[in-house]
Protein backbone atom coordinates (compact mmCIF):
# COMPACT_ATOMS: atom_id res chain seq x y z
CA UNK A 1 0.00 0.00 0.00
CA UNK A 2 1.34 3.44 -0.90
CA UNK A 3 1.43 6.29 1.55
CA UNK A 4 -2.04 7.79 1.94
CA UNK A 5 -2.65 10.72 -0.42
CA UNK A 6 -3.73 13.07 2.39
CA UNK A 7 -0.32 12.63 4.07
CA UNK A 8 1.61 12.97 0.82
CA UNK A 9 -0.22 16.24 0.12
CA UNK A 10 0.70 17.69 3.53
CA UNK A 11 4.33 16.60 3.35
CA UNK A 12 4.77 17.89 -0.22
CA UNK A 13 3.11 21.20 0.62
CA UNK A 14 5.38 21.66 3.64
CA UNK A 15 8.47 20.48 1.71
CA UNK A 16 9.87 18.37 4.53
CA UNK A 17 12.05 15.33 3.95
CA UNK A 18 10.76 11.99 5.19
CA UNK A 19 11.28 8.28 4.70
CA UNK A 20 8.48 5.75 4.49
CA UNK A 21 8.90 2.38 6.16
CA UNK A 22 6.95 -0.72 5.19
CA UNK A 23 6.88 -3.39 7.89
CA UNK A 24 4.88 -6.36 9.20
CA UNK A 25 1.67 -5.35 11.00
CA UNK A 26 2.34 -3.55 14.29
CA UNK A 27 -0.65 -2.64 16.45
CA UNK A 28 1.14 -0.93 19.32
CA UNK A 29 4.00 1.55 19.40
CA UNK A 30 6.34 -0.93 21.16
CA UNK A 31 5.54 -3.48 18.42
CA UNK A 32 6.37 -0.84 15.80
CA UNK A 33 9.69 -0.20 17.55
CA UNK A 34 10.48 -3.90 17.47
CA UNK A 35 9.51 -4.64 13.85
CA UNK A 36 11.12 -1.44 12.51
CA UNK A 37 14.22 -1.85 14.72
CA UNK A 38 13.79 1.66 16.12
CA UNK A 39 14.69 2.55 19.73
CA UNK A 40 11.53 3.19 21.80
CA UNK A 41 12.60 6.74 22.55
CA UNK A 42 12.40 7.54 18.81
CA UNK A 43 9.19 5.64 18.12
CA UNK A 44 6.23 7.93 18.71
CA UNK A 45 2.76 6.86 19.71
CA UNK A 46 -0.22 9.10 19.27
CA UNK A 47 -2.75 9.04 22.10
CA UNK A 48 -6.06 10.69 21.27
CA UNK A 49 -7.74 12.45 24.18
CA UNK A 50 -10.87 14.53 24.55
CA UNK A 51 -10.21 17.86 26.31
CA UNK A 52 -13.37 19.75 27.19
CA UNK A 53 -15.18 17.92 24.40
CA UNK A 54 -12.48 18.62 21.77
CA UNK A 55 -10.01 16.05 20.40
CA UNK A 56 -6.31 16.55 21.07
CA UNK A 57 -3.32 14.44 20.11
CA UNK A 58 -0.69 13.57 22.69
CA UNK A 59 2.60 12.31 21.24
CA UNK A 60 4.90 10.34 23.54
CA UNK A 61 7.68 7.78 23.09
CA UNK A 62 6.47 4.23 22.48
CA UNK A 63 7.25 3.00 25.97
CA UNK A 64 5.78 6.01 27.81
CA UNK A 65 2.27 6.53 29.07
CA UNK A 66 0.43 9.85 29.23
CA UNK A 67 -0.03 11.68 32.52
CA UNK A 68 -3.59 12.81 31.86
CA UNK A 69 -3.55 15.39 34.64
CA UNK A 70 -0.34 17.00 33.33
CA UNK A 71 -1.78 17.01 29.80
CA UNK A 72 -5.06 18.50 31.06
CA UNK A 73 -3.14 21.36 32.68
CA UNK A 74 -0.99 21.88 29.57
CA UNK A 75 -4.13 21.98 27.42
CA UNK A 76 -5.79 24.44 29.83
CA UNK A 77 -8.78 22.11 29.97
CA UNK A 78 -11.29 21.55 32.74
CA UNK A 79 -11.70 17.87 31.83
CA UNK A 80 -9.62 15.44 29.82
CA UNK A 81 -10.09 11.75 29.06
CA UNK A 82 -8.90 9.13 26.62
CA UNK A 83 -10.97 8.88 23.44
CA UNK A 84 -13.00 5.73 22.85
CA UNK A 85 -12.32 3.48 19.87
CA UNK A 86 -15.61 4.48 18.19
CA UNK A 87 -14.62 8.13 18.54
CA UNK A 88 -11.26 7.42 16.90
CA UNK A 89 -12.96 5.82 13.90
CA UNK A 90 -15.28 8.82 13.54
CA UNK A 91 -12.53 11.44 14.04
CA UNK A 92 -10.03 9.89 11.62
CA UNK A 93 -12.01 7.85 9.06
CA UNK A 94 -9.18 7.82 6.51
CA UNK A 95 -6.79 6.07 8.93
CA UNK A 96 -6.89 2.63 10.49
CA UNK A 97 -7.99 2.86 14.12
CA UNK A 98 -4.90 3.16 16.27
CA UNK A 99 -2.60 4.15 13.39
CA UNK A 100 -3.19 7.90 13.30
CA UNK A 101 -0.14 10.00 12.44
CA UNK A 102 0.63 12.93 14.74
CA UNK A 103 -0.69 15.52 12.29
CA UNK A 104 -3.82 16.60 14.15
CA UNK A 105 -3.66 19.95 12.40
CA UNK A 106 -5.06 18.16 9.31
CA UNK A 107 -8.32 17.94 11.28
CA UNK A 108 -7.96 21.11 13.33
CA UNK A 109 -6.88 19.17 16.44
CA UNK A 110 -4.07 20.50 18.61
CA UNK A 111 -0.96 18.33 18.89
CA UNK A 112 0.95 18.07 22.15
CA UNK A 113 4.40 16.48 22.09
CA UNK A 114 6.45 15.21 25.01
CA UNK A 115 9.50 17.45 25.41
CA UNK A 116 11.93 14.52 25.32
CA UNK A 117 11.45 14.41 21.51
CA UNK A 118 12.83 17.93 21.03
CA UNK A 119 16.14 17.74 19.20
CA UNK A 120 15.88 14.04 18.33
CA UNK A 121 17.59 13.28 15.03
CA UNK A 122 14.60 11.18 13.96
CA UNK A 123 11.20 10.03 15.05
CA UNK A 124 9.08 7.25 13.61
CA UNK A 125 5.29 7.04 13.76
CA UNK A 126 2.34 5.36 12.08
CA UNK A 127 1.40 6.69 8.67
CA UNK A 128 -2.29 5.84 8.84
CA UNK A 129 -1.96 2.06 8.62
CA UNK A 130 -0.50 -0.65 10.83
CA UNK A 131 2.03 -1.57 8.12
CA UNK A 132 3.31 1.86 7.05
CA UNK A 133 5.32 4.34 9.06
CA UNK A 134 7.02 7.67 8.52
CA UNK A 135 10.48 8.61 9.70
CA UNK A 136 11.51 12.26 9.92
CA UNK A 137 13.64 14.63 11.93
CA UNK A 138 11.88 16.11 14.95
CA UNK A 139 12.44 19.66 13.66
CA UNK A 140 10.67 18.78 10.40
CA UNK A 141 7.79 17.18 12.32
CA UNK A 142 7.53 20.32 14.48
CA UNK A 143 7.50 22.53 11.38
CA UNK A 144 4.53 20.58 9.99
CA UNK A 145 2.51 19.80 13.13
CA UNK A 146 3.29 22.97 15.12
CA UNK A 147 2.95 21.05 18.41
CA UNK A 148 2.70 22.39 21.91
CA UNK A 149 5.72 21.00 23.77
CA UNK A 150 5.40 19.96 27.39
CA UNK A 151 6.19 17.42 30.07
CA UNK A 152 3.29 14.98 30.25
CA UNK A 153 4.89 11.64 29.39
CA UNK A 154 5.58 9.06 32.05
CA UNK A 155 8.50 6.72 31.44
CA UNK A 156 8.03 3.11 32.46
CA UNK A 157 8.87 2.18 36.00
CA UNK A 158 11.73 -0.24 36.01
CA UNK A 159 11.60 -2.99 38.56
CA UNK A 160 14.35 -2.72 41.14
CA UNK A 161 17.41 -4.70 40.29
CA UNK A 162 17.49 -7.93 42.15
CA UNK A 163 20.56 -8.02 44.22
CA UNK A 164 22.47 -11.22 44.40
CA UNK A 165 22.87 -12.79 47.77
CA UNK A 166 26.36 -12.19 49.09
CA UNK A 167 28.83 -14.84 48.16
CA UNK A 168 30.08 -16.85 51.07
CA UNK A 169 33.50 -15.85 52.18
CA UNK A 170 35.86 -18.73 51.73
CA UNK A 171 38.57 -19.14 54.25
CA UNK A 172 41.94 -19.84 52.85
CA UNK A 173 43.13 -23.30 53.62
CA UNK A 174 46.67 -24.27 53.81
CA UNK A 175 47.08 -26.82 51.06
CA UNK A 176 50.71 -27.58 51.83
CA UNK A 177 50.91 -30.49 54.20
CA UNK A 178 52.71 -29.77 57.41
CA UNK A 179 55.84 -31.75 58.00
C-alpha atoms as a PDB file:
ATOM      1  CA  UNK A   1       0.000   0.000   0.000  1.00  0.00           C
ATOM      2  CA  UNK A   2       1.336   3.442  -0.905  1.00  0.00           C
ATOM      3  CA  UNK A   3       1.426   6.293   1.554  1.00  0.00           C
ATOM      4  CA  UNK A   4      -2.038   7.794   1.944  1.00  0.00           C
ATOM      5  CA  UNK A   5      -2.647  10.719  -0.425  1.00  0.00           C
ATOM      6  CA  UNK A   6      -3.728  13.066   2.387  1.00  0.00           C
ATOM      7  CA  UNK A   7      -0.315  12.627   4.072  1.00  0.00           C
ATOM      8  CA  UNK A   8       1.614  12.971   0.825  1.00  0.00           C
ATOM      9  CA  UNK A   9      -0.219  16.237   0.119  1.00  0.00           C
ATOM     10  CA  UNK A  10       0.699  17.691   3.525  1.00  0.00           C
ATOM     11  CA  UNK A  11       4.331  16.601   3.347  1.00  0.00           C
ATOM     12  CA  UNK A  12       4.769  17.890  -0.222  1.00  0.00           C
ATOM     13  CA  UNK A  13       3.109  21.196   0.616  1.00  0.00           C
ATOM     14  CA  UNK A  14       5.384  21.665   3.637  1.00  0.00           C
ATOM     15  CA  UNK A  15       8.473  20.480   1.708  1.00  0.00           C
ATOM     16  CA  UNK A  16       9.869  18.375   4.526  1.00  0.00           C
ATOM     17  CA  UNK A  17      12.048  15.327   3.955  1.00  0.00           C
ATOM     18  CA  UNK A  18      10.760  11.986   5.190  1.00  0.00           C
ATOM     19  CA  UNK A  19      11.279   8.282   4.695  1.00  0.00           C
ATOM     20  CA  UNK A  20       8.485   5.745   4.487  1.00  0.00           C
ATOM     21  CA  UNK A  21       8.900   2.385   6.156  1.00  0.00           C
ATOM     22  CA  UNK A  22       6.948  -0.715   5.190  1.00  0.00           C
ATOM     23  CA  UNK A  23       6.875  -3.392   7.891  1.00  0.00           C
ATOM     24  CA  UNK A  24       4.875  -6.359   9.197  1.00  0.00           C
ATOM     25  CA  UNK A  25       1.668  -5.350  11.003  1.00  0.00           C
ATOM     26  CA  UNK A  26       2.336  -3.546  14.294  1.00  0.00           C
ATOM     27  CA  UNK A  27      -0.654  -2.640  16.449  1.00  0.00           C
ATOM     28  CA  UNK A  28       1.138  -0.932  19.322  1.00  0.00           C
ATOM     29  CA  UNK A  29       4.005   1.545  19.404  1.00  0.00           C
ATOM     30  CA  UNK A  30       6.342  -0.932  21.158  1.00  0.00           C
ATOM     31  CA  UNK A  31       5.538  -3.482  18.421  1.00  0.00           C
ATOM     32  CA  UNK A  32       6.368  -0.844  15.804  1.00  0.00           C
ATOM     33  CA  UNK A  33       9.691  -0.199  17.554  1.00  0.00           C
ATOM     34  CA  UNK A  34      10.479  -3.898  17.469  1.00  0.00           C
ATOM     35  CA  UNK A  35       9.506  -4.636  13.846  1.00  0.00           C
ATOM     36  CA  UNK A  36      11.117  -1.439  12.509  1.00  0.00           C
ATOM     37  CA  UNK A  37      14.222  -1.847  14.719  1.00  0.00           C
ATOM     38  CA  UNK A  38      13.792   1.663  16.120  1.00  0.00           C
ATOM     39  CA  UNK A  39      14.693   2.548  19.728  1.00  0.00           C
ATOM     40  CA  UNK A  40      11.534   3.186  21.796  1.00  0.00           C
ATOM     41  CA  UNK A  41      12.602   6.743  22.551  1.00  0.00           C
ATOM     42  CA  UNK A  42      12.396   7.540  18.813  1.00  0.00           C
ATOM     43  CA  UNK A  43       9.185   5.639  18.124  1.00  0.00           C
ATOM     44  CA  UNK A  44       6.234   7.932  18.706  1.00  0.00           C
ATOM     45  CA  UNK A  45       2.763   6.858  19.711  1.00  0.00           C
ATOM     46  CA  UNK A  46      -0.219   9.100  19.268  1.00  0.00           C
ATOM     47  CA  UNK A  47      -2.750   9.041  22.097  1.00  0.00           C
ATOM     48  CA  UNK A  48      -6.057  10.692  21.274  1.00  0.00           C
ATOM     49  CA  UNK A  49      -7.738  12.447  24.178  1.00  0.00           C
ATOM     50  CA  UNK A  50     -10.865  14.534  24.548  1.00  0.00           C
ATOM     51  CA  UNK A  51     -10.210  17.857  26.308  1.00  0.00           C
ATOM     52  CA  UNK A  52     -13.371  19.754  27.194  1.00  0.00           C
ATOM     53  CA  UNK A  53     -15.183  17.915  24.400  1.00  0.00           C
ATOM     54  CA  UNK A  54     -12.484  18.615  21.770  1.00  0.00           C
ATOM     55  CA  UNK A  55     -10.008  16.048  20.402  1.00  0.00           C
ATOM     56  CA  UNK A  56      -6.307  16.552  21.065  1.00  0.00           C
ATOM     57  CA  UNK A  57      -3.323  14.436  20.106  1.00  0.00           C
ATOM     58  CA  UNK A  58      -0.691  13.570  22.693  1.00  0.00           C
ATOM     59  CA  UNK A  59       2.597  12.313  21.238  1.00  0.00           C
ATOM     60  CA  UNK A  60       4.898  10.345  23.543  1.00  0.00           C
ATOM     61  CA  UNK A  61       7.678   7.781  23.089  1.00  0.00           C
ATOM     62  CA  UNK A  62       6.470   4.229  22.477  1.00  0.00           C
ATOM     63  CA  UNK A  63       7.251   2.997  25.969  1.00  0.00           C
ATOM     64  CA  UNK A  64       5.780   6.011  27.810  1.00  0.00           C
ATOM     65  CA  UNK A  65       2.272   6.533  29.070  1.00  0.00           C
ATOM     66  CA  UNK A  66       0.425   9.849  29.226  1.00  0.00           C
ATOM     67  CA  UNK A  67      -0.032  11.677  32.516  1.00  0.00           C
ATOM     68  CA  UNK A  68      -3.595  12.806  31.859  1.00  0.00           C
ATOM     69  CA  UNK A  69      -3.546  15.389  34.637  1.00  0.00           C
ATOM     70  CA  UNK A  70      -0.341  17.004  33.334  1.00  0.00           C
ATOM     71  CA  UNK A  71      -1.782  17.015  29.804  1.00  0.00           C
ATOM     72  CA  UNK A  72      -5.063  18.501  31.058  1.00  0.00           C
ATOM     73  CA  UNK A  73      -3.144  21.358  32.676  1.00  0.00           C
ATOM     74  CA  UNK A  74      -0.986  21.883  29.572  1.00  0.00           C
ATOM     75  CA  UNK A  75      -4.131  21.975  27.417  1.00  0.00           C
ATOM     76  CA  UNK A  76      -5.786  24.438  29.832  1.00  0.00           C
ATOM     77  CA  UNK A  77      -8.781  22.110  29.972  1.00  0.00           C
ATOM     78  CA  UNK A  78     -11.289  21.548  32.743  1.00  0.00           C
ATOM     79  CA  UNK A  79     -11.697  17.874  31.826  1.00  0.00           C
ATOM     80  CA  UNK A  80      -9.622  15.444  29.819  1.00  0.00           C
ATOM     81  CA  UNK A  81     -10.093  11.755  29.061  1.00  0.00           C
ATOM     82  CA  UNK A  82      -8.904   9.129  26.624  1.00  0.00           C
ATOM     83  CA  UNK A  83     -10.969   8.876  23.438  1.00  0.00           C
ATOM     84  CA  UNK A  84     -13.003   5.725  22.854  1.00  0.00           C
ATOM     85  CA  UNK A  85     -12.322   3.483  19.866  1.00  0.00           C
ATOM     86  CA  UNK A  86     -15.610   4.480  18.187  1.00  0.00           C
ATOM     87  CA  UNK A  87     -14.617   8.132  18.542  1.00  0.00           C
ATOM     88  CA  UNK A  88     -11.260   7.418  16.898  1.00  0.00           C
ATOM     89  CA  UNK A  89     -12.955   5.823  13.897  1.00  0.00           C
ATOM     90  CA  UNK A  90     -15.276   8.823  13.540  1.00  0.00           C
ATOM     91  CA  UNK A  91     -12.534  11.440  14.039  1.00  0.00           C
ATOM     92  CA  UNK A  92     -10.035   9.887  11.622  1.00  0.00           C
ATOM     93  CA  UNK A  93     -12.007   7.846   9.058  1.00  0.00           C
ATOM     94  CA  UNK A  94      -9.182   7.825   6.507  1.00  0.00           C
ATOM     95  CA  UNK A  95      -6.794   6.070   8.930  1.00  0.00           C
ATOM     96  CA  UNK A  96      -6.889   2.629  10.489  1.00  0.00           C
ATOM     97  CA  UNK A  97      -7.988   2.858  14.115  1.00  0.00           C
ATOM     98  CA  UNK A  98      -4.898   3.156  16.271  1.00  0.00           C
ATOM     99  CA  UNK A  99      -2.605   4.147  13.390  1.00  0.00           C
ATOM    100  CA  UNK A 100      -3.193   7.902  13.300  1.00  0.00           C
ATOM    101  CA  UNK A 101      -0.142  10.001  12.437  1.00  0.00           C
ATOM    102  CA  UNK A 102       0.631  12.932  14.742  1.00  0.00           C
ATOM    103  CA  UNK A 103      -0.690  15.521  12.295  1.00  0.00           C
ATOM    104  CA  UNK A 104      -3.820  16.596  14.149  1.00  0.00           C
ATOM    105  CA  UNK A 105      -3.662  19.948  12.405  1.00  0.00           C
ATOM    106  CA  UNK A 106      -5.063  18.165   9.315  1.00  0.00           C
ATOM    107  CA  UNK A 107      -8.321  17.944  11.283  1.00  0.00           C
ATOM    108  CA  UNK A 108      -7.964  21.115  13.331  1.00  0.00           C
ATOM    109  CA  UNK A 109      -6.881  19.172  16.436  1.00  0.00           C
ATOM    110  CA  UNK A 110      -4.072  20.497  18.606  1.00  0.00           C
ATOM    111  CA  UNK A 111      -0.963  18.332  18.889  1.00  0.00           C
ATOM    112  CA  UNK A 112       0.954  18.066  22.150  1.00  0.00           C
ATOM    113  CA  UNK A 113       4.399  16.483  22.086  1.00  0.00           C
ATOM    114  CA  UNK A 114       6.453  15.213  25.013  1.00  0.00           C
ATOM    115  CA  UNK A 115       9.500  17.445  25.415  1.00  0.00           C
ATOM    116  CA  UNK A 116      11.934  14.523  25.317  1.00  0.00           C
ATOM    117  CA  UNK A 117      11.453  14.409  21.505  1.00  0.00           C
ATOM    118  CA  UNK A 118      12.827  17.931  21.032  1.00  0.00           C
ATOM    119  CA  UNK A 119      16.136  17.735  19.203  1.00  0.00           C
ATOM    120  CA  UNK A 120      15.879  14.041  18.331  1.00  0.00           C
ATOM    121  CA  UNK A 121      17.590  13.276  15.030  1.00  0.00           C
ATOM    122  CA  UNK A 122      14.603  11.184  13.960  1.00  0.00           C
ATOM    123  CA  UNK A 123      11.200  10.033  15.053  1.00  0.00           C
ATOM    124  CA  UNK A 124       9.080   7.255  13.612  1.00  0.00           C
ATOM    125  CA  UNK A 125       5.293   7.035  13.760  1.00  0.00           C
ATOM    126  CA  UNK A 126       2.340   5.361  12.077  1.00  0.00           C
ATOM    127  CA  UNK A 127       1.398   6.693   8.668  1.00  0.00           C
ATOM    128  CA  UNK A 128      -2.293   5.840   8.843  1.00  0.00           C
ATOM    129  CA  UNK A 129      -1.957   2.058   8.616  1.00  0.00           C
ATOM    130  CA  UNK A 130      -0.495  -0.648  10.829  1.00  0.00           C
ATOM    131  CA  UNK A 131       2.031  -1.570   8.119  1.00  0.00           C
ATOM    132  CA  UNK A 132       3.314   1.859   7.048  1.00  0.00           C
ATOM    133  CA  UNK A 133       5.323   4.343   9.062  1.00  0.00           C
ATOM    134  CA  UNK A 134       7.022   7.666   8.515  1.00  0.00           C
ATOM    135  CA  UNK A 135      10.482   8.615   9.703  1.00  0.00           C
ATOM    136  CA  UNK A 136      11.505  12.256   9.917  1.00  0.00           C
ATOM    137  CA  UNK A 137      13.638  14.628  11.934  1.00  0.00           C
ATOM    138  CA  UNK A 138      11.883  16.110  14.952  1.00  0.00           C
ATOM    139  CA  UNK A 139      12.438  19.658  13.661  1.00  0.00           C
ATOM    140  CA  UNK A 140      10.665  18.782  10.402  1.00  0.00           C
ATOM    141  CA  UNK A 141       7.789  17.180  12.316  1.00  0.00           C
ATOM    142  CA  UNK A 142       7.527  20.321  14.479  1.00  0.00           C
ATOM    143  CA  UNK A 143       7.497  22.532  11.382  1.00  0.00           C
ATOM    144  CA  UNK A 144       4.532  20.584   9.988  1.00  0.00           C
ATOM    145  CA  UNK A 145       2.511  19.804  13.132  1.00  0.00           C
ATOM    146  CA  UNK A 146       3.287  22.967  15.123  1.00  0.00           C
ATOM    147  CA  UNK A 147       2.953  21.048  18.406  1.00  0.00           C
ATOM    148  CA  UNK A 148       2.705  22.392  21.906  1.00  0.00           C
ATOM    149  CA  UNK A 149       5.716  20.999  23.773  1.00  0.00           C
ATOM    150  CA  UNK A 150       5.401  19.962  27.390  1.00  0.00           C
ATOM    151  CA  UNK A 151       6.188  17.420  30.066  1.00  0.00           C
ATOM    152  CA  UNK A 152       3.289  14.977  30.249  1.00  0.00           C
ATOM    153  CA  UNK A 153       4.891  11.639  29.389  1.00  0.00           C
ATOM    154  CA  UNK A 154       5.583   9.059  32.047  1.00  0.00           C
ATOM    155  CA  UNK A 155       8.503   6.719  31.437  1.00  0.00           C
ATOM    156  CA  UNK A 156       8.025   3.106  32.456  1.00  0.00           C
ATOM    157  CA  UNK A 157       8.872   2.181  36.001  1.00  0.00           C
ATOM    158  CA  UNK A 158      11.732  -0.244  36.007  1.00  0.00           C
ATOM    159  CA  UNK A 159      11.596  -2.986  38.564  1.00  0.00           C
ATOM    160  CA  UNK A 160      14.346  -2.720  41.135  1.00  0.00           C
ATOM    161  CA  UNK A 161      17.414  -4.698  40.287  1.00  0.00           C
ATOM    162  CA  UNK A 162      17.492  -7.925  42.148  1.00  0.00           C
ATOM    163  CA  UNK A 163      20.565  -8.019  44.219  1.00  0.00           C
ATOM    164  CA  UNK A 164      22.475 -11.222  44.404  1.00  0.00           C
ATOM    165  CA  UNK A 165      22.875 -12.791  47.773  1.00  0.00           C
ATOM    166  CA  UNK A 166      26.356 -12.188  49.094  1.00  0.00           C
ATOM    167  CA  UNK A 167      28.827 -14.843  48.163  1.00  0.00           C
ATOM    168  CA  UNK A 168      30.081 -16.853  51.068  1.00  0.00           C
ATOM    169  CA  UNK A 169      33.501 -15.849  52.183  1.00  0.00           C
ATOM    170  CA  UNK A 170      35.861 -18.730  51.729  1.00  0.00           C
ATOM    171  CA  UNK A 171      38.568 -19.143  54.251  1.00  0.00           C
ATOM    172  CA  UNK A 172      41.940 -19.837  52.846  1.00  0.00           C
ATOM    173  CA  UNK A 173      43.134 -23.298  53.616  1.00  0.00           C
ATOM    174  CA  UNK A 174      46.675 -24.271  53.810  1.00  0.00           C
ATOM    175  CA  UNK A 175      47.077 -26.825  51.062  1.00  0.00           C
ATOM    176  CA  UNK A 176      50.705 -27.584  51.835  1.00  0.00           C
ATOM    177  CA  UNK A 177      50.911 -30.492  54.197  1.00  0.00           C
ATOM    178  CA  UNK A 178      52.706 -29.766  57.406  1.00  0.00           C
ATOM    179  CA  UNK A 179      55.838 -31.752  58.000  1.00  0.00           C
END
